[in-house]
Amino acid sequence: MTKTLLTRGSAAGVLAAMLSACGHLPIAPQAFEDMSAKRAGLPTDWTIAPMTGDATAIVADFSVFGDPNLTAYVAEALENNRSLRATAENIRQSEALLRQARSGLFPSLFGSVGVNASTPVDDFNLNEIYSVSATAAYAPDVMGDVSASVRASIAGLRSTEATYEFARRQLAAQTARAYFAIIEAKLQLELNRRSLNRAKESNRITQARFDEGSVARDDLVLDQSDLASAEDSVIAFEASVRTAERALETLLGRFSRNQVTTAAVLPSPPEAPPLGVPEFTIRSRPDVVAAEYNLIQVFAQNRVARLARWPQLNGDISLALSNTTPEASDLFDIDDLIFRIGASLADTLFDGGLIEGRIDASDAVKRGALERYGQTVIEAYNDVLDSLDQFTTLRARSRSLTTASDAARETLRLGELRYSEGSQALLDVLIVRNRADVAESALISNRRALLEQWVLLHLALGGDPVAPSPLPSAAATAEVRWQDR
């Protein structure tokens, strides 16, 4: 009696253990629990800026710049960029892999038709034999390894889709930044051309005074040097404009012809996008969504690896039709109809540590994926803070640079007036001119950097570049999306 009870208890224990490892059991909940642990310590605010408090607030798209050329170029880049197209093919690949994984959940149907002829060598007379067969087979997913593989493929597809979306938004941001860089280069070129015209006028005055004997040769040489430097700057910025245009055309998927239309001035920078709850904002970013789905995929693959440790319970159901006849007219007069059903329980007795090695490797991949996810969350949060801090800093600097540029420009106007009257030395004028040009150049660069930083902040917050989107909410996270799958 005791022996019977022990045997039954052992069988029940083995069955319970097998069920605990079964691939049919939920996978995503445990993954999200471990992800939540990796998000421990994520601040509940942005530390350097308040949240909007408005759950219906809208994160603007790039149309806020009011520049139709920019929005057209962004649309063209998203349509024609070859690298983005290649990334889209990763989605097609993941969809195909999912179809492959799901095929294991369905029956298979095989069929064949054939003809053979044979004859004795000493009495050559070919005799044809015709055959036809059809077989339907189905292997139930008893242990759940196929189901776990399907869930891994689904998560892999969702991760690939999120990665593509992140690449799309990065491309849009790169396009906007390249567009602003062209406008800045043109404004810097215009500034240097004005400086060159002033240098030419100054050189004309200095040459006339030298010819009259009212200034020494060192003033003339100094003015000639300043003129040559101004000419060099113009040449350099003309090249910068061409380089910036080629960079944009590359993003647009064009062969470069330096045929880019831009606005004459940089647009006014919009206000900073609104801020939502940090956790929801971070988890709605495509790169973080991709990391969460990738982790679900790793957990599912780990489940498949661990199933190999247990005895494999397999089932097989098949139905076969067959016929063999010497007459083609009798080919479809079916002789045999066979139904088979069976089950087997098999286990590896010795493999030299192969299965345990695979499990250990899968566990290491799982731990590594968790750590990378935790680092992705940290980097995403800090990315928002850095972008917001830089945007605020650049806006504050813009006011100071505007004041400095206006004052330097007025000082230059007065200095050139006094020089034309002969009451100020050439060296003083050149110093003031250089200071004014540097101040205006810095202001132009600041305006371009402020626009770029708005784009980067918009990207960091997960905003869509071509369509306004509401502030991120729990519904935007991979966890909710997976549950609604």
Protein backbone atom coordinates (compact mmCIF):
# COMPACT_ATOMS: atom_id res chain seq x y z
CA MET A 1 0.00 0.00 0.00
CA THR A 2 2.80 2.39 0.91
CA LYS A 3 4.59 1.59 -2.34
CA THR A 4 1.41 2.35 -4.33
CA LEU A 5 0.96 5.69 -2.60
CA LEU A 6 4.59 6.64 -3.19
CA THR A 7 4.29 5.76 -6.86
CA ARG A 8 1.13 7.80 -7.26
CA GLY A 9 2.67 10.68 -5.33
CA SER A 10 5.76 10.60 -7.48
CA ALA A 11 3.67 10.58 -10.64
CA ALA A 12 1.65 13.51 -9.36
CA GLY A 13 4.84 15.38 -8.51
CA VAL A 14 6.30 14.78 -11.97
CA LEU A 15 3.04 15.93 -13.56
CA ALA A 16 2.96 19.09 -11.41
CA ALA A 17 6.56 19.86 -12.26
CA MET A 18 5.89 19.40 -15.96
CA LEU A 19 2.85 21.67 -15.75
CA SER A 20 4.91 24.33 -13.96
CA ALA A 21 7.32 24.32 -16.89
CA CYS A 22 4.58 24.13 -19.49
CA GLY A 23 4.80 26.65 -22.31
CA HIS A 24 1.04 27.27 -22.11
CA LEU A 25 1.43 29.19 -18.84
CA PRO A 26 1.52 33.02 -18.96
CA ILE A 27 4.87 34.56 -19.84
CA ALA A 28 4.31 38.33 -20.12
CA PRO A 29 3.14 38.95 -16.50
CA GLN A 30 6.43 37.70 -15.05
CA ALA A 31 8.36 39.74 -17.60
CA PHE A 32 6.46 42.91 -16.65
CA GLU A 33 7.01 42.21 -12.95
CA ASP A 34 10.76 41.98 -13.51
CA MET A 35 10.67 45.13 -15.68
CA SER A 36 8.83 46.96 -12.92
CA ALA A 37 11.61 46.00 -10.51
CA LYS A 38 14.16 47.46 -12.93
CA ARG A 39 12.19 50.73 -13.00
CA ALA A 40 12.40 51.03 -9.22
CA GLY A 41 13.64 54.47 -8.29
CA LEU A 42 12.28 56.18 -11.41
CA PRO A 43 11.39 59.71 -10.23
CA THR A 44 7.74 60.69 -10.13
CA ASP A 45 8.53 64.15 -11.54
CA TRP A 46 11.08 65.74 -13.88
CA THR A 47 13.07 67.41 -11.06
CA ILE A 48 13.92 70.46 -13.22
CA ALA A 49 10.47 71.27 -14.63
CA PRO A 50 6.86 70.80 -13.54
CA MET A 51 4.45 68.41 -15.25
CA THR A 52 1.61 69.92 -17.24
CA GLY A 53 -1.08 68.35 -15.07
CA ASP A 54 -3.32 68.21 -18.13
CA ALA A 55 -3.87 64.63 -19.31
CA THR A 56 -5.41 65.94 -22.54
CA ALA A 57 -2.43 68.13 -23.47
CA ILE A 58 -1.17 67.69 -27.02
CA VAL A 59 2.45 67.24 -28.03
CA ALA A 60 2.75 69.25 -31.25
CA ASP A 61 4.19 67.99 -34.52
CA PHE A 62 6.71 69.72 -36.81
CA SER A 63 4.00 71.86 -38.41
CA VAL A 64 4.40 74.22 -35.42
CA PHE A 65 7.35 75.78 -37.26
CA GLY A 66 4.98 77.09 -39.92
CA ASP A 67 7.39 76.15 -42.71
CA PRO A 68 5.80 74.18 -45.57
CA ASN A 69 9.23 73.36 -47.01
CA LEU A 70 10.22 71.62 -43.78
CA THR A 71 7.05 69.54 -43.53
CA ALA A 72 7.36 68.56 -47.20
CA TYR A 73 10.98 67.45 -46.73
CA VAL A 74 10.09 65.41 -43.64
CA ALA A 75 7.34 63.64 -45.59
CA GLU A 76 9.74 63.03 -48.50
CA ALA A 77 12.41 61.58 -46.21
CA LEU A 78 9.92 59.22 -44.55
CA GLU A 79 8.80 58.06 -47.99
CA ASN A 80 12.11 57.79 -49.87
CA ASN A 81 14.94 57.18 -47.40
CA ARG A 82 16.46 53.81 -48.30
CA SER A 83 17.73 53.02 -44.81
CA LEU A 84 14.22 53.47 -43.40
CA ARG A 85 12.85 51.21 -46.14
CA ALA A 86 15.41 48.58 -45.19
CA THR A 87 14.29 48.86 -41.56
CA ALA A 88 10.69 48.34 -42.69
CA GLU A 89 11.73 45.05 -44.26
CA ASN A 90 12.65 43.84 -40.77
CA ILE A 91 8.93 44.01 -40.00
CA ARG A 92 8.14 41.87 -43.04
CA GLN A 93 10.76 39.38 -41.85
CA SER A 94 9.28 39.28 -38.33
CA GLU A 95 5.80 38.73 -39.79
CA ALA A 96 7.12 35.81 -41.82
CA LEU A 97 8.82 34.33 -38.74
CA LEU A 98 5.54 34.61 -36.84
CA ARG A 99 3.72 32.76 -39.61
CA GLN A 100 6.38 30.04 -39.43
CA ALA A 101 5.94 29.71 -35.66
CA ARG A 102 2.13 29.61 -35.88
CA SER A 103 2.23 26.90 -38.53
CA GLY A 104 3.05 24.39 -35.77
CA LEU A 105 -0.42 24.91 -34.28
CA PHE A 106 -2.22 23.68 -37.40
CA PRO A 107 -2.56 20.32 -39.17
CA SER A 108 -0.37 19.50 -42.15
CA LEU A 109 -1.66 18.07 -45.40
CA PHE A 110 0.61 16.18 -47.81
CA GLY A 111 -0.20 14.67 -51.18
CA SER A 112 1.61 12.90 -53.99
CA VAL A 113 0.90 11.40 -57.40
CA GLY A 114 3.44 9.21 -59.15
CA VAL A 115 4.09 6.71 -61.91
CA ASN A 116 6.81 4.05 -62.16
CA ALA A 117 7.63 1.62 -64.94
CA SER A 118 9.68 -1.55 -64.75
CA THR A 119 10.54 -4.53 -66.95
CA PRO A 120 12.81 -7.58 -66.93
CA VAL A 121 15.97 -7.00 -68.90
CA ASP A 122 15.64 -10.21 -70.93
CA ASP A 123 11.99 -9.52 -71.85
CA PHE A 124 11.69 -5.80 -72.31
CA ASN A 125 8.07 -4.80 -71.69
CA LEU A 126 7.44 -1.76 -69.49
CA ASN A 127 4.68 -2.13 -66.93
CA GLU A 128 3.41 1.12 -65.45
CA ILE A 129 2.35 1.41 -61.82
CA TYR A 130 0.37 4.49 -60.81
CA SER A 131 0.12 5.70 -57.22
CA VAL A 132 -1.66 8.44 -55.31
CA SER A 133 -1.63 9.27 -51.62
CA ALA A 134 -2.84 11.98 -49.27
CA THR A 135 -1.98 12.36 -45.62
CA ALA A 136 -3.31 14.75 -42.99
CA ALA A 137 -1.36 14.96 -39.75
CA TYR A 138 -1.67 16.97 -36.57
CA ALA A 139 0.68 17.08 -33.59
CA PRO A 140 -1.00 18.68 -30.55
CA ASP A 141 1.10 21.21 -28.67
CA VAL A 142 1.01 19.18 -25.48
CA MET A 143 3.98 20.76 -23.68
CA GLY A 144 3.35 24.26 -24.97
CA ASP A 145 6.72 24.78 -26.62
CA VAL A 146 5.05 25.80 -29.88
CA SER A 147 2.79 28.25 -28.04
CA ALA A 148 5.79 29.76 -26.27
CA SER A 149 7.58 30.11 -29.60
CA VAL A 150 4.52 31.84 -31.05
CA ARG A 151 4.43 34.30 -28.16
CA ALA A 152 8.14 34.95 -28.64
CA SER A 153 7.54 35.68 -32.31
CA ILE A 154 4.62 37.99 -31.54
CA ALA A 155 6.74 39.95 -29.08
CA GLY A 156 9.58 40.00 -31.60
CA LEU A 157 7.26 41.46 -34.23
CA ARG A 158 6.00 44.15 -31.85
CA SER A 159 9.57 45.00 -30.86
CA THR A 160 10.55 45.30 -34.52
CA GLU A 161 7.57 47.56 -35.20
CA ALA A 162 8.54 49.82 -32.29
CA THR A 163 12.14 49.89 -33.48
CA TYR A 164 10.95 50.95 -36.93
CA GLU A 165 8.80 53.70 -35.42
CA PHE A 166 11.78 54.97 -33.44
CA ALA A 167 13.90 54.97 -36.61
CA ARG A 168 11.14 56.88 -38.41
CA ARG A 169 11.05 59.56 -35.74
CA GLN A 170 14.84 59.79 -35.64
CA LEU A 171 14.91 60.28 -39.42
CA ALA A 172 12.31 63.05 -39.18
CA ALA A 173 14.39 64.76 -36.48
CA GLN A 174 17.57 64.42 -38.56
CA THR A 175 15.76 65.91 -41.56
CA ALA A 176 14.55 68.91 -39.55
CA ARG A 177 18.01 69.48 -38.10
CA ALA A 178 19.61 69.26 -41.55
CA TYR A 179 17.05 71.76 -42.88
CA PHE A 180 17.81 74.22 -40.09
CA ALA A 181 21.55 73.73 -40.68
CA ILE A 182 21.13 74.86 -44.30
CA ILE A 183 19.30 78.01 -43.26
CA GLU A 184 21.97 78.75 -40.65
CA ALA A 185 24.76 78.22 -43.19
CA LYS A 186 23.02 80.61 -45.60
CA LEU A 187 22.59 83.24 -42.87
CA GLN A 188 26.24 82.87 -41.87
CA LEU A 189 27.19 83.23 -45.55
CA GLU A 190 25.07 86.36 -45.82
CA LEU A 191 26.74 87.74 -42.69
CA ASN A 192 30.20 87.08 -44.12
CA ARG A 193 29.27 88.67 -47.45
CA ARG A 194 28.20 91.82 -45.62
CA SER A 195 31.47 91.73 -43.74
CA LEU A 196 33.30 91.33 -47.07
CA ASN A 197 31.50 94.37 -48.51
CA ARG A 198 32.48 96.40 -45.45
CA ALA A 199 36.06 95.20 -45.79
CA LYS A 200 36.09 96.26 -49.46
CA GLU A 201 34.78 99.70 -48.57
CA SER A 202 37.29 100.03 -45.76
CA ASN A 203 40.09 98.93 -48.10
CA ARG A 204 39.00 101.54 -50.68
CA ILE A 205 39.20 104.30 -48.08
CA THR A 206 42.52 103.09 -46.73
CA GLN A 207 44.01 102.80 -50.24
CA ALA A 208 42.92 106.37 -51.07
CA ARG A 209 44.41 107.69 -47.85
CA PHE A 210 47.63 105.76 -48.46
CA ASP A 211 47.85 107.21 -51.96
CA GLU A 212 47.43 110.67 -50.43
CA GLY A 213 50.14 109.88 -47.89
CA SER A 214 47.85 110.34 -44.87
CA VAL A 215 48.24 106.75 -43.55
CA ALA A 216 51.26 104.48 -43.23
CA ARG A 217 51.79 101.30 -45.21
CA ASP A 218 51.16 99.11 -42.15
CA ASP A 219 47.51 100.31 -42.11
CA LEU A 220 47.16 99.42 -45.78
CA VAL A 221 48.68 95.95 -45.30
CA LEU A 222 46.48 95.34 -42.24
CA ASP A 223 43.37 96.30 -44.22
CA GLN A 224 44.41 94.05 -47.12
CA SER A 225 44.86 91.17 -44.70
CA ASP A 226 41.38 91.75 -43.27
CA LEU A 227 39.93 91.84 -46.80
CA ALA A 228 41.60 88.55 -47.72
CA SER A 229 40.30 86.92 -44.53
CA ALA A 230 36.78 88.12 -45.35
CA GLU A 231 37.04 86.64 -48.85
CA ASP A 232 38.24 83.33 -47.39
CA SER A 233 35.28 83.21 -44.98
CA VAL A 234 32.83 83.71 -47.83
CA ILE A 235 34.40 80.85 -49.81
CA ALA A 236 34.32 78.60 -46.75
CA PHE A 237 30.65 79.29 -45.99
CA GLU A 238 29.65 78.80 -49.63
CA ALA A 239 31.13 75.32 -49.29
CA SER A 240 29.30 74.87 -45.95
CA VAL A 241 25.97 75.63 -47.65
CA ARG A 242 26.65 73.06 -50.36
CA THR A 243 27.68 70.46 -47.76
CA ALA A 244 24.53 71.10 -45.69
CA GLU A 245 22.33 70.79 -48.78
CA ARG A 246 23.95 67.49 -49.72
CA ALA A 247 23.38 66.19 -46.19
CA LEU A 248 19.65 66.95 -46.48
CA GLU A 249 19.41 65.45 -49.96
CA THR A 250 21.04 62.28 -48.66
CA LEU A 251 18.36 61.97 -45.97
CA LEU A 252 15.71 62.58 -48.64
CA GLY A 253 17.01 59.65 -50.68
CA ARG A 254 18.14 61.89 -53.55
CA PHE A 255 21.30 62.01 -55.60
CA SER A 256 22.74 65.38 -54.67
CA ARG A 257 22.21 68.29 -57.06
CA ASN A 258 22.26 71.07 -54.46
CA GLN A 259 18.67 71.89 -55.34
CA VAL A 260 17.07 72.58 -51.98
CA THR A 261 14.51 75.29 -51.28
CA THR A 262 14.49 76.78 -47.79
CA ALA A 263 12.99 79.71 -45.95
CA ALA A 264 15.09 82.88 -45.85
CA VAL A 265 15.21 82.99 -42.06
CA LEU A 266 15.04 80.55 -39.19
CA PRO A 267 11.50 80.14 -37.75
CA SER A 268 10.74 81.25 -34.24
CA PRO A 269 11.25 78.40 -31.77
CA PRO A 270 8.02 77.02 -30.26
CA GLU A 271 7.49 76.71 -26.55
CA ALA A 272 8.73 73.54 -24.87
CA PRO A 273 6.34 70.59 -25.34
CA PRO A 274 4.22 69.72 -22.29
CA LEU A 275 5.49 67.13 -19.82
CA GLY A 276 3.47 64.15 -18.65
CA VAL A 277 3.96 61.59 -15.87
CA PRO A 278 7.59 60.37 -16.16
CA GLU A 279 6.82 56.63 -16.11
CA PHE A 280 4.13 56.82 -18.79
CA THR A 281 6.16 59.26 -20.89
CA ILE A 282 9.26 57.05 -20.76
CA ARG A 283 7.38 53.82 -21.41
CA SER A 284 5.56 55.29 -24.42
CA ARG A 285 8.83 56.07 -26.21
CA PRO A 286 9.30 53.66 -29.14
CA ASP A 287 12.78 52.64 -28.00
CA VAL A 288 11.51 51.69 -24.54
CA VAL A 289 8.46 49.95 -26.00
CA ALA A 290 10.84 47.95 -28.22
CA ALA A 291 12.93 47.04 -25.17
CA GLU A 292 9.83 45.81 -23.27
CA TYR A 293 8.65 43.64 -26.14
CA ASN A 294 12.17 42.35 -26.62
CA LEU A 295 12.20 41.30 -22.98
CA ILE A 296 8.91 39.41 -23.40
CA GLN A 297 10.47 37.65 -26.39
CA VAL A 298 13.52 36.69 -24.32
CA PHE A 299 11.31 35.35 -21.51
CA ALA A 300 9.36 33.22 -24.01
CA GLN A 301 12.57 31.88 -25.56
CA ASN A 302 13.81 31.07 -22.08
CA ARG A 303 10.60 29.09 -21.46
CA VAL A 304 11.25 27.08 -24.62
CA ALA A 305 14.83 26.36 -23.51
CA ARG A 306 13.68 25.18 -20.07
CA LEU A 307 11.06 22.84 -21.56
CA ALA A 308 13.89 20.76 -23.02
CA ARG A 309 14.81 19.67 -19.49
CA TRP A 310 11.56 17.75 -19.05
CA PRO A 311 10.37 14.52 -20.70
CA GLN A 312 8.64 15.43 -23.94
CA LEU A 313 5.03 14.28 -24.15
CA ASN A 314 4.08 14.19 -27.81
CA GLY A 315 0.85 13.36 -29.55
CA ASP A 316 0.25 12.47 -33.18
CA ILE A 317 -2.97 12.22 -35.16
CA SER A 318 -2.98 11.37 -38.87
CA LEU A 319 -5.34 10.26 -41.63
CA ALA A 320 -3.90 8.73 -44.82
CA LEU A 321 -5.39 7.78 -48.18
CA SER A 322 -3.44 5.73 -50.72
CA ASN A 323 -3.87 3.69 -53.91
CA THR A 324 -1.54 1.82 -56.21
CA THR A 325 -2.76 0.50 -59.58
CA PRO A 326 -1.40 -0.47 -62.98
CA GLU A 327 -4.27 1.38 -64.68
CA ALA A 328 -4.36 5.17 -64.77
CA SER A 329 -8.16 5.10 -64.92
CA ASP A 330 -8.27 3.38 -61.52
CA LEU A 331 -5.89 5.87 -59.89
CA PHE A 332 -8.52 7.51 -57.69
CA ASP A 333 -10.29 4.31 -56.66
CA ILE A 334 -8.97 4.55 -53.14
CA ASP A 335 -7.88 1.24 -51.64
CA ASP A 336 -6.71 2.27 -48.20
CA LEU A 337 -7.94 4.74 -45.61
CA ILE A 338 -5.78 4.63 -42.50
CA PHE A 339 -6.32 6.55 -39.26
CA ARG A 340 -3.49 6.75 -36.75
CA ILE A 341 -3.36 8.20 -33.27
CA GLY A 342 -0.54 7.89 -30.84
CA ALA A 343 1.36 9.41 -27.97
CA SER A 344 4.89 9.12 -26.72
CA LEU A 345 6.88 10.18 -23.69
CA ALA A 346 10.57 10.59 -24.39
CA ASP A 347 13.48 11.98 -22.41
CA THR A 348 17.19 12.49 -22.97
CA LEU A 349 19.17 10.12 -20.79
CA PHE A 350 22.59 11.68 -21.38
CA ASP A 351 23.71 14.59 -23.56
CA GLY A 352 26.97 15.66 -21.95
CA GLY A 353 25.43 18.81 -20.46
CA LEU A 354 23.97 20.12 -23.76
CA ILE A 355 20.51 20.96 -22.43
CA GLU A 356 21.79 22.50 -19.19
CA GLY A 357 24.29 24.55 -21.18
CA ARG A 358 21.51 25.89 -23.38
CA ILE A 359 19.40 26.75 -20.33
CA ASP A 360 22.33 28.51 -18.66
CA ALA A 361 22.98 30.48 -21.84
CA SER A 362 19.28 31.41 -22.10
CA ASP A 363 19.25 32.50 -18.45
CA ALA A 364 22.27 34.71 -19.10
CA VAL A 365 20.54 36.26 -22.12
CA LYS A 366 17.47 36.89 -19.95
CA ARG A 367 19.48 38.59 -17.20
CA GLY A 368 21.37 40.66 -19.75
CA ALA A 369 18.13 41.77 -21.41
CA LEU A 370 16.75 42.87 -18.03
CA GLU A 371 19.86 44.92 -17.30
CA ARG A 372 19.77 46.52 -20.75
CA TYR A 373 16.11 47.37 -20.21
CA GLY A 374 16.93 49.03 -16.90
CA GLN A 375 19.69 51.05 -18.56
CA THR A 376 17.35 52.01 -21.41
CA VAL A 377 14.85 53.45 -18.91
CA ILE A 378 17.59 55.43 -17.14
CA GLU A 379 18.93 56.77 -20.43
CA ALA A 380 15.43 57.68 -21.64
CA TYR A 381 14.66 59.64 -18.46
CA ASN A 382 18.00 61.44 -18.55
CA ASP A 383 17.54 62.11 -22.26
CA VAL A 384 14.37 64.07 -21.50
CA LEU A 385 16.09 65.99 -18.70
CA ASP A 386 19.14 66.80 -20.84
CA SER A 387 16.99 67.94 -23.77
CA LEU A 388 14.77 70.07 -21.54
CA ASP A 389 17.74 71.58 -19.71
CA GLN A 390 19.52 72.41 -22.99
CA PHE A 391 16.36 73.95 -24.45
CA THR A 392 15.83 76.14 -21.39
CA THR A 393 19.50 77.14 -21.32
CA LEU A 394 19.58 78.05 -25.02
CA ARG A 395 16.42 80.13 -24.68
CA ALA A 396 17.94 82.04 -21.75
CA ARG A 397 21.20 82.56 -23.68
CA SER A 398 19.24 83.83 -26.67
CA ARG A 399 18.17 86.94 -24.77
CA SER A 400 21.74 87.74 -23.74
CA LEU A 401 23.13 87.07 -27.21
CA THR A 402 20.48 89.30 -28.80
CA THR A 403 21.47 92.17 -26.51
CA ALA A 404 25.16 91.59 -27.18
CA SER A 405 24.67 91.46 -30.95
CA ASP A 406 22.54 94.63 -31.05
CA ALA A 407 25.08 96.53 -28.94
CA ALA A 408 28.04 95.31 -31.00
CA ARG A 409 26.27 96.24 -34.24
CA GLU A 410 25.60 99.77 -32.99
CA THR A 411 29.20 100.11 -31.81
CA LEU A 412 30.38 99.06 -35.29
CA ARG A 413 28.09 101.57 -36.98
CA LEU A 414 29.49 104.41 -34.88
CA GLY A 415 33.09 103.22 -35.33
CA GLU A 416 32.82 103.00 -39.12
CA LEU A 417 31.27 106.46 -39.19
CA ARG A 418 34.16 107.90 -37.19
CA TYR A 419 36.68 106.04 -39.37
CA SER A 420 35.16 107.43 -42.55
CA GLU A 421 35.58 110.89 -40.98
CA GLY A 422 39.18 110.11 -40.11
CA SER A 423 38.72 110.30 -36.34
CA GLN A 424 39.24 106.59 -35.48
CA ALA A 425 42.13 104.26 -36.15
CA LEU A 426 41.75 101.35 -38.58
CA LEU A 427 42.79 98.76 -36.00
CA ASP A 428 40.03 99.86 -33.64
CA VAL A 429 37.48 99.55 -36.44
CA LEU A 430 38.68 96.05 -37.32
CA ILE A 431 38.45 94.96 -33.69
CA VAL A 432 34.91 96.30 -33.37
CA ARG A 433 33.90 94.78 -36.71
CA ASN A 434 35.18 91.36 -35.68
CA ARG A 435 33.39 91.60 -32.36
CA ALA A 436 30.11 92.51 -34.07
CA ASP A 437 30.43 89.66 -36.58
CA VAL A 438 31.23 87.16 -33.83
CA ALA A 439 28.22 88.31 -31.78
CA GLU A 440 25.82 88.07 -34.72
CA SER A 441 27.24 84.70 -35.76
CA ALA A 442 26.76 83.38 -32.22
CA LEU A 443 23.17 84.62 -32.22
CA ILE A 444 22.44 82.84 -35.51
CA SER A 445 23.99 79.63 -34.17
CA ASN A 446 21.97 79.95 -30.99
CA ARG A 447 18.71 80.27 -32.90
CA ARG A 448 19.51 77.20 -34.97
CA ALA A 449 20.58 75.25 -31.84
CA LEU A 450 17.36 76.25 -30.07
CA LEU A 451 15.27 74.88 -32.94
CA GLU A 452 17.34 71.69 -33.01
CA GLN A 453 16.92 71.28 -29.28
CA TRP A 454 13.16 71.62 -29.57
CA VAL A 455 13.25 68.80 -32.13
CA LEU A 456 15.41 66.66 -29.83
CA LEU A 457 13.12 67.34 -26.85
CA HIS A 458 10.11 66.46 -28.99
CA LEU A 459 11.88 63.20 -29.92
CA ALA A 460 12.83 62.48 -26.30
CA LEU A 461 9.20 62.87 -25.22
CA GLY A 462 8.08 60.38 -27.86
CA GLY A 463 6.14 62.91 -29.94
CA ASP A 464 5.12 62.07 -33.49
CA PRO A 465 6.81 64.42 -36.02
CA VAL A 466 3.96 64.39 -38.53
CA ALA A 467 0.83 64.27 -36.36
CA PRO A 468 0.00 65.83 -32.97
CA SER A 469 -0.36 63.28 -30.19
CA PRO A 470 -1.82 63.47 -26.64
CA LEU A 471 0.42 63.18 -23.63
CA PRO A 472 1.50 59.57 -22.98
CA SER A 473 -0.73 57.52 -20.73
CA ALA A 474 -0.77 53.98 -19.38
CA ALA A 475 -2.55 52.92 -22.57
CA ALA A 476 0.60 53.74 -24.54
CA THR A 477 2.79 51.24 -22.71
CA ALA A 478 3.77 47.84 -24.02
CA GLU A 479 2.09 46.20 -21.02
CA VAL A 480 -1.37 47.43 -21.94
CA ARG A 481 -0.79 46.84 -25.63
CA TRP A 482 0.23 43.24 -24.95
CA GLN A 483 -2.86 42.63 -22.81
CA ASP A 484 -5.09 44.02 -25.57
CA ARG A 485 -3.40 41.85 -28.18
